[in-house]
């Protein structure tokens, strides 16, 4: 159920990190762009093909040490339908390598429209009786600030298809506090959203006591991260903001439980652009990405409890 597959992958690899594949064309080495532009032209197709080559090379280098990738849909949509094809192919390629895929779409709507978003990213599209996965991700980021009407269409689909969602709770951007930190009667706006995630997920629990409804809680606000970990014990966290946005290992450590679980930490630019930061040969971009991932893993696992799967009720029937 839900995030069980992700949790087990994290435990196997002893690595609670996810690589954000949010590729701007500027991140792609020139030799790749030159090759694709020569073949397809300096157009959206040439750009999308270059990005796909870039993504696949990184996936090849990290798939044995990182449990998941997180492609941000906007970075693909900006290249039109060719970019959307690259998003699909990136998801498909990562899954063929055994990776868990979180699509970062931050979708937000109600009723039939939200059902359509859910079907597109997590479900199966019915084509005259034939059901086909449109994108086939394992999880999707969503905006819950329309309330239950925007989340309910996702929940049954998550259960039926073994998928999960990450709801925006306390985001990593500087201005998040303008709304999310406002005080309500007995909590904050983000605190209330966290409570809602716990409630939404209460009927969709996995075997490791985390539900299908996760939360996005930023690394840039470690005090709030710690607060939400205590307040939402059954909510799995996606933690952005590590690295380029200023979040560090000591801060993100507050997202984890006593088993070193409960969260997965994202890094995008720090991995994709590692070769630029190191002034390395551009042809070594994927190798540099691998080194950056290894460094990130070491950094985070040095400050959290040893990652271990807790006993489940099936393994120990005496657990109540």
Foldseek 3Di string as FASTA:
>chain_A
DACPLVLVLCQVLVFQAEAELLDDLVLQDPVLLVVLCVVPNPALLSSLNSSLVLLLLLLVLCLSRDQAYEYELVSQCVSPPSSVVSLLVSLVSNVVSVHAYEYEDQAFDFDPVLLVVLCQDDHFDQDPNDTHHNRHHQEYEYECVVDPRNVVSNVVSCQVRVHAYAYEQQALDPCSCVQQQPDDPDHGNSLVVLVVLLVSFVVAADQLQAGRYAYEHELNDLVVLLVSCVSRVRHAYEYECDDPNDGFQQSCLSNADQQRGRYHYYDYCCQSNQCVVVVHDSVCSSVSSSVSSVVRRCRNSVNHHRHDRDDGCVRPVVPD
